Amino acid sequence: MGEFSIFHWLIVLAVVLIFFGGRRIPEVMKGLGEGIRSFKDGMSGTSQPPAPPAQAPPAATPEKPAEEKK
């Protein structure tokens, strides 16, 4: 009674897919991994400041060619 067979795991997988959908599961797992990593860093006492987000270079303005005089 305490053992899970492959059939039980397939049912669990189907329920998870129904609740979260295929696109949402990677986001949930990423958040879970970041939370675990943050918890481990907090327990070890070593914390690194978060890296600043990468900024995109300013968009270059296209120069207009000089109008030719006739």
PDB file of N, CA and C in Angstrom:
ATOM      1  N   MET A   1       0.810  -1.187   0.000  1.00  0.00           N
ATOM      2  CA  MET A   1       0.000   0.000   0.000  1.00  0.00           C
ATOM      3  C   MET A   1       0.862   1.263   0.000  1.00  0.00           C
ATOM      4  N   GLY A   2       2.071   1.199   0.507  1.00  0.00           N
ATOM      5  CA  GLY A   2       2.925   2.366   0.593  1.00  0.00           C
ATOM      6  C   GLY A   2       3.789   2.572  -0.633  1.00  0.00           C
ATOM      7  N   GLU A   3       3.696   1.698  -1.618  1.00  0.00           N
ATOM      8  CA  GLU A   3       4.543   1.813  -2.792  1.00  0.00           C
ATOM      9  C   GLU A   3       3.777   2.473  -3.937  1.00  0.00           C
ATOM     10  N   PHE A   4       4.517   3.238  -4.744  1.00  0.00           N
ATOM     11  CA  PHE A   4       3.927   3.859  -5.917  1.00  0.00           C
ATOM     12  C   PHE A   4       4.399   3.109  -7.148  1.00  0.00           C
ATOM     13  N   SER A   5       3.456   2.713  -7.963  1.00  0.00           N
ATOM     14  CA  SER A   5       3.804   2.043  -9.211  1.00  0.00           C
ATOM     15  C   SER A   5       3.904   3.089 -10.324  1.00  0.00           C
ATOM     16  N   ILE A   6       4.306   2.653 -11.482  1.00  0.00           N
ATOM     17  CA  ILE A   6       4.418   3.552 -12.627  1.00  0.00           C
ATOM     18  C   ILE A   6       3.050   4.131 -12.978  1.00  0.00           C
ATOM     19  N   PHE A   7       2.000   3.362 -12.765  1.00  0.00           N
ATOM     20  CA  PHE A   7       0.642   3.829 -13.039  1.00  0.00           C
ATOM     21  C   PHE A   7       0.288   5.019 -12.148  1.00  0.00           C
ATOM     22  N   HIS A   8       0.667   4.979 -10.881  1.00  0.00           N
ATOM     23  CA  HIS A   8       0.410   6.092  -9.975  1.00  0.00           C
ATOM     24  C   HIS A   8       1.145   7.348 -10.432  1.00  0.00           C
ATOM     25  N   TRP A   9       2.394   7.199 -10.842  1.00  0.00           N
ATOM     26  CA  TRP A   9       3.184   8.352 -11.291  1.00  0.00           C
ATOM     27  C   TRP A   9       2.621   8.944 -12.581  1.00  0.00           C
ATOM     28  N   LEU A  10       2.089   8.115 -13.461  1.00  0.00           N
ATOM     29  CA  LEU A  10       1.467   8.623 -14.683  1.00  0.00           C
ATOM     30  C   LEU A  10       0.218   9.448 -14.373  1.00  0.00           C
ATOM     31  N   ILE A  11      -0.552   9.003 -13.390  1.00  0.00           N
ATOM     32  CA  ILE A  11      -1.729   9.768 -12.976  1.00  0.00           C
ATOM     33  C   ILE A  11      -1.303  11.111 -12.388  1.00  0.00           C
ATOM     34  N   VAL A  12      -0.286  11.121 -11.552  1.00  0.00           N
ATOM     35  CA  VAL A  12       0.216  12.362 -10.963  1.00  0.00           C
ATOM     36  C   VAL A  12       0.700  13.302 -12.071  1.00  0.00           C
ATOM     37  N   LEU A  13       1.433  12.780 -13.036  1.00  0.00           N
ATOM     38  CA  LEU A  13       1.923  13.587 -14.156  1.00  0.00           C
ATOM     39  C   LEU A  13       0.759  14.176 -14.957  1.00  0.00           C
ATOM     40  N   ALA A  14      -0.273  13.393 -15.199  1.00  0.00           N
ATOM     41  CA  ALA A  14      -1.434  13.880 -15.945  1.00  0.00           C
ATOM     42  C   ALA A  14      -2.146  15.000 -15.184  1.00  0.00           C
ATOM     43  N   VAL A  15      -2.284  14.844 -13.881  1.00  0.00           N
ATOM     44  CA  VAL A  15      -2.939  15.878 -13.074  1.00  0.00           C
ATOM     45  C   VAL A  15      -2.122  17.164 -13.083  1.00  0.00           C
ATOM     46  N   VAL A  16      -0.806  17.052 -12.969  1.00  0.00           N
ATOM     47  CA  VAL A  16       0.059  18.234 -12.987  1.00  0.00           C
ATOM     48  C   VAL A  16      -0.042  18.936 -14.338  1.00  0.00           C
ATOM     49  N   LEU A  17      -0.038  18.183 -15.422  1.00  0.00           N
ATOM     50  CA  LEU A  17      -0.170  18.783 -16.748  1.00  0.00           C
ATOM     51  C   LEU A  17      -1.510  19.479 -16.926  1.00  0.00           C
ATOM     52  N   ILE A  18      -2.553  18.912 -16.353  1.00  0.00           N
ATOM     53  CA  ILE A  18      -3.876  19.529 -16.457  1.00  0.00           C
ATOM     54  C   ILE A  18      -3.916  20.841 -15.674  1.00  0.00           C
ATOM     55  N   PHE A  19      -3.343  20.837 -14.462  1.00  0.00           N
ATOM     56  CA  PHE A  19      -3.380  22.041 -13.633  1.00  0.00           C
ATOM     57  C   PHE A  19      -2.501  23.155 -14.172  1.00  0.00           C
ATOM     58  N   PHE A  20      -1.286  22.835 -14.570  1.00  0.00           N
ATOM     59  CA  PHE A  20      -0.319  23.869 -14.924  1.00  0.00           C
ATOM     60  C   PHE A  20      -0.159  24.075 -16.424  1.00  0.00           C
ATOM     61  N   GLY A  21      -0.374  23.084 -17.214  1.00  0.00           N
ATOM     62  CA  GLY A  21      -0.162  23.217 -18.653  1.00  0.00           C
ATOM     63  C   GLY A  21       1.309  23.051 -18.997  1.00  0.00           C
ATOM     64  N   GLY A  22       1.590  22.830 -20.261  1.00  0.00           N
ATOM     65  CA  GLY A  22       2.959  22.555 -20.702  1.00  0.00           C
ATOM     66  C   GLY A  22       3.881  23.752 -20.623  1.00  0.00           C
ATOM     67  N   ARG A  23       3.350  24.966 -20.788  1.00  0.00           N
ATOM     68  CA  ARG A  23       4.216  26.146 -20.775  1.00  0.00           C
ATOM     69  C   ARG A  23       4.553  26.606 -19.369  1.00  0.00           C
ATOM     70  N   ARG A  24       3.681  26.376 -18.441  1.00  0.00           N
ATOM     71  CA  ARG A  24       3.853  26.903 -17.085  1.00  0.00           C
ATOM     72  C   ARG A  24       4.822  26.060 -16.260  1.00  0.00           C
ATOM     73  N   ILE A  25       4.966  24.789 -16.548  1.00  0.00           N
ATOM     74  CA  ILE A  25       5.799  23.899 -15.734  1.00  0.00           C
ATOM     75  C   ILE A  25       7.258  24.340 -15.706  1.00  0.00           C
ATOM     76  N   PRO A  26       7.908  24.686 -16.831  1.00  0.00           N
ATOM     77  CA  PRO A  26       9.304  25.150 -16.737  1.00  0.00           C
ATOM     78  C   PRO A  26       9.461  26.406 -15.892  1.00  0.00           C
ATOM     79  N   GLU A  27       8.484  27.314 -15.939  1.00  0.00           N
ATOM     80  CA  GLU A  27       8.549  28.514 -15.119  1.00  0.00           C
ATOM     81  C   GLU A  27       8.481  28.159 -13.631  1.00  0.00           C
ATOM     82  N   VAL A  28       7.612  27.228 -13.286  1.00  0.00           N
ATOM     83  CA  VAL A  28       7.466  26.810 -11.900  1.00  0.00           C
ATOM     84  C   VAL A  28       8.748  26.132 -11.416  1.00  0.00           C
ATOM     85  N   MET A  29       9.315  25.274 -12.247  1.00  0.00           N
ATOM     86  CA  MET A  29      10.543  24.581 -11.857  1.00  0.00           C
ATOM     87  C   MET A  29      11.717  25.551 -11.719  1.00  0.00           C
ATOM     88  N   LYS A  30      11.787  26.566 -12.579  1.00  0.00           N
ATOM     89  CA  LYS A  30      12.841  27.572 -12.484  1.00  0.00           C
ATOM     90  C   LYS A  30      12.710  28.337 -11.167  1.00  0.00           C
ATOM     91  N   GLY A  31      11.502  28.733 -10.833  1.00  0.00           N
ATOM     92  CA  GLY A  31      11.270  29.433  -9.568  1.00  0.00           C
ATOM     93  C   GLY A  31      11.607  28.567  -8.367  1.00  0.00           C
ATOM     94  N   LEU A  32      11.282  27.297  -8.445  1.00  0.00           N
ATOM     95  CA  LEU A  32      11.599  26.374  -7.364  1.00  0.00           C
ATOM     96  C   LEU A  32      13.112  26.237  -7.199  1.00  0.00           C
ATOM     97  N   GLY A  33      13.826  26.116  -8.319  1.00  0.00           N
ATOM     98  CA  GLY A  33      15.287  25.998  -8.259  1.00  0.00           C
ATOM     99  C   GLY A  33      15.935  27.250  -7.693  1.00  0.00           C
ATOM    100  N   GLU A  34      15.443  28.423  -8.094  1.00  0.00           N
ATOM    101  CA  GLU A  34      15.992  29.671  -7.560  1.00  0.00           C
ATOM    102  C   GLU A  34      15.714  29.789  -6.073  1.00  0.00           C
ATOM    103  N   GLY A  35      14.542  29.348  -5.648  1.00  0.00           N
ATOM    104  CA  GLY A  35      14.213  29.385  -4.225  1.00  0.00           C
ATOM    105  C   GLY A  35      15.109  28.468  -3.411  1.00  0.00           C
ATOM    106  N   ILE A  36      15.365  27.278  -3.913  1.00  0.00           N
ATOM    107  CA  ILE A  36      16.247  26.339  -3.209  1.00  0.00           C
ATOM    108  C   ILE A  36      17.657  26.897  -3.145  1.00  0.00           C
ATOM    109  N   ARG A  37      18.140  27.461  -4.263  1.00  0.00           N
ATOM    110  CA  ARG A  37      19.479  28.042  -4.305  1.00  0.00           C
ATOM    111  C   ARG A  37      19.591  29.196  -3.310  1.00  0.00           C
ATOM    112  N   SER A  38      18.568  30.035  -3.247  1.00  0.00           N
ATOM    113  CA  SER A  38      18.561  31.156  -2.320  1.00  0.00           C
ATOM    114  C   SER A  38      18.557  30.659  -0.872  1.00  0.00           C
ATOM    115  N   PHE A  39      17.798  29.614  -0.612  1.00  0.00           N
ATOM    116  CA  PHE A  39      17.747  29.043   0.732  1.00  0.00           C
ATOM    117  C   PHE A  39      19.107  28.486   1.139  1.00  0.00           C
ATOM    118  N   LYS A  40      19.758  27.778   0.227  1.00  0.00           N
ATOM    119  CA  LYS A  40      21.076  27.221   0.530  1.00  0.00           C
ATOM    120  C   LYS A  40      22.093  28.320   0.783  1.00  0.00           C
ATOM    121  N   ASP A  41      22.047  29.384  -0.026  1.00  0.00           N
ATOM    122  CA  ASP A  41      22.959  30.511   0.191  1.00  0.00           C
ATOM    123  C   ASP A  41      22.698  31.169   1.532  1.00  0.00           C
ATOM    124  N   GLY A  42      21.451  31.299   1.902  1.00  0.00           N
ATOM    125  CA  GLY A  42      21.103  31.892   3.186  1.00  0.00           C
ATOM    126  C   GLY A  42      21.546  31.037   4.357  1.00  0.00           C
ATOM    127  N   MET A  43      21.469  29.725   4.210  1.00  0.00           N
ATOM    128  CA  MET A  43      21.881  28.831   5.296  1.00  0.00           C
ATOM    129  C   MET A  43      23.398  28.797   5.450  1.00  0.00           C
ATOM    130  N   SER A  44      24.117  28.935   4.339  1.00  0.00           N
ATOM    131  CA  SER A  44      25.575  28.877   4.427  1.00  0.00           C
ATOM    132  C   SER A  44      26.156  30.216   4.880  1.00  0.00           C
ATOM    133  N   GLY A  45      25.384  31.278   4.807  1.00  0.00           N
ATOM    134  CA  GLY A  45      25.847  32.577   5.261  1.00  0.00           C
ATOM    135  C   GLY A  45      26.611  33.354   4.217  1.00  0.00           C
ATOM    136  N   THR A  46      26.849  32.780   3.077  1.00  0.00           N
ATOM    137  CA  THR A  46      27.533  33.507   2.019  1.00  0.00           C
ATOM    138  C   THR A  46      26.489  34.046   1.070  1.00  0.00           C
ATOM    139  N   SER A  47      26.470  35.334   0.948  1.00  0.00           N
ATOM    140  CA  SER A  47      25.512  35.915   0.012  1.00  0.00           C
ATOM    141  C   SER A  47      26.254  36.847  -0.926  1.00  0.00           C
ATOM    142  N   GLN A  48      25.898  36.753  -2.157  1.00  0.00           N
ATOM    143  CA  GLN A  48      26.477  37.614  -3.168  1.00  0.00           C
ATOM    144  C   GLN A  48      25.406  38.597  -3.595  1.00  0.00           C
ATOM    145  N   PRO A  49      25.793  39.848  -3.796  1.00  0.00           N
ATOM    146  CA  PRO A  49      24.769  40.791  -4.256  1.00  0.00           C
ATOM    147  C   PRO A  49      24.280  40.382  -5.633  1.00  0.00           C
ATOM    148  N   PRO A  50      22.995  40.565  -5.890  1.00  0.00           N
ATOM    149  CA  PRO A  50      22.474  40.163  -7.201  1.00  0.00           C
ATOM    150  C   PRO A  50      23.125  40.988  -8.306  1.00  0.00           C
ATOM    151  N   ALA A  51      23.369  40.339  -9.413  1.00  0.00           N
ATOM    152  CA  ALA A  51      23.981  41.007 -10.551  1.00  0.00           C
ATOM    153  C   ALA A  51      22.979  41.982 -11.150  1.00  0.00           C
ATOM    154  N   PRO A  52      23.443  43.166 -11.528  1.00  0.00           N
ATOM    155  CA  PRO A  52      22.499  44.114 -12.138  1.00  0.00           C
ATOM    156  C   PRO A  52      22.026  43.588 -13.485  1.00  0.00           C
ATOM    157  N   PRO A  53      20.790  43.892 -13.832  1.00  0.00           N
ATOM    158  CA  PRO A  53      20.283  43.396 -15.119  1.00  0.00           C
ATOM    159  C   PRO A  53      21.057  44.012 -16.269  1.00  0.00           C
ATOM    160  N   ALA A  54      21.242  43.216 -17.289  1.00  0.00           N
ATOM    161  CA  ALA A  54      21.971  43.684 -18.466  1.00  0.00           C
ATOM    162  C   ALA A  54      21.138  44.740 -19.182  1.00  0.00           C
ATOM    163  N   GLN A  55      21.812  45.826 -19.537  1.00  0.00           N
ATOM    164  CA  GLN A  55      21.108  46.899 -20.227  1.00  0.00           C
ATOM    165  C   GLN A  55      21.424  46.826 -21.708  1.00  0.00           C
ATOM    166  N   ALA A  56      20.413  47.058 -22.497  1.00  0.00           N
ATOM    167  CA  ALA A  56      20.591  47.042 -23.942  1.00  0.00           C
ATOM    168  C   ALA A  56      21.288  48.335 -24.365  1.00  0.00           C
ATOM    169  N   PRO A  57      22.175  48.257 -25.345  1.00  0.00           N
ATOM    170  CA  PRO A  57      22.819  49.486 -25.815  1.00  0.00           C
ATOM    171  C   PRO A  57      21.788  50.413 -26.432  1.00  0.00           C
ATOM    172  N   PRO A  58      22.015  51.722 -26.352  1.00  0.00           N
ATOM    173  CA  PRO A  58      21.024  52.640 -26.918  1.00  0.00           C
ATOM    174  C   PRO A  58      20.895  52.436 -28.416  1.00  0.00           C
ATOM    175  N   ALA A  59      19.695  52.578 -28.869  1.00  0.00           N
ATOM    176  CA  ALA A  59      19.424  52.372 -30.292  1.00  0.00           C
ATOM    177  C   ALA A  59      20.084  53.479 -31.108  1.00  0.00           C
ATOM    178  N   ALA A  60      20.787  53.097 -32.128  1.00  0.00           N
ATOM    179  CA  ALA A  60      21.435  54.071 -32.991  1.00  0.00           C
ATOM    180  C   ALA A  60      20.395  54.698 -33.903  1.00  0.00           C
ATOM    181  N   THR A  61      20.471  56.017 -34.018  1.00  0.00           N
ATOM    182  CA  THR A  61      19.526  56.696 -34.899  1.00  0.00           C
ATOM    183  C   THR A  61      20.085  56.683 -36.312  1.00  0.00           C
ATOM    184  N   PRO A  62      19.291  56.240 -37.257  1.00  0.00           N
ATOM    185  CA  PRO A  62      19.791  56.196 -38.635  1.00  0.00           C
ATOM    186  C   PRO A  62      19.949  57.619 -39.163  1.00  0.00           C
ATOM    187  N   GLU A  63      21.076  57.871 -39.755  1.00  0.00           N
ATOM    188  CA  GLU A  63      21.336  59.193 -40.311  1.00  0.00           C
ATOM    189  C   GLU A  63      20.708  59.289 -41.690  1.00  0.00           C
ATOM    190  N   LYS A  64      20.101  60.421 -41.941  1.00  0.00           N
ATOM    191  CA  LYS A  64      19.476  60.630 -43.235  1.00  0.00           C
ATOM    192  C   LYS A  64      20.541  61.091 -44.224  1.00  0.00           C
ATOM    193  N   PRO A  65      20.533  60.540 -45.419  1.00  0.00           N
ATOM    194  CA  PRO A  65      21.506  61.011 -46.407  1.00  0.00           C
ATOM    195  C   PRO A  65      21.198  62.464 -46.795  1.00  0.00           C
ATOM    196  N   ALA A  66      22.237  63.202 -47.038  1.00  0.00           N
ATOM    197  CA  ALA A  66      22.064  64.613 -47.412  1.00  0.00           C
ATOM    198  C   ALA A  66      21.308  64.698 -48.727  1.00  0.00           C
ATOM    199  N   GLU A  67      20.359  65.597 -48.759  1.00  0.00           N
ATOM    200  CA  GLU A  67      19.571  65.748 -49.970  1.00  0.00           C
ATOM    201  C   GLU A  67      20.418  66.400 -51.053  1.00  0.00           C
ATOM    202  N   GLU A  68      20.318  65.897 -52.237  1.00  0.00           N
ATOM    203  CA  GLU A  68      21.078  66.437 -53.356  1.00  0.00           C
ATOM    204  C   GLU A  68      20.336  67.623 -53.958  1.00  0.00           C
ATOM    205  N   LYS A  69      21.074  68.671 -54.227  1.00  0.00           N
ATOM    206  CA  LYS A  69      20.471  69.844 -54.853  1.00  0.00           C
ATOM    207  C   LYS A  69      20.611  69.753 -56.349  1.00  0.00           C
ATOM    208  N   LYS A  70      19.572  70.111 -57.046  1.00  0.00           N
ATOM    209  CA  LYS A  70      19.584  70.040 -58.509  1.00  0.00           C
ATOM    210  C   LYS A  70      19.667  71.398 -59.125  1.00  0.00           C
TER     211      LYS A  70
END
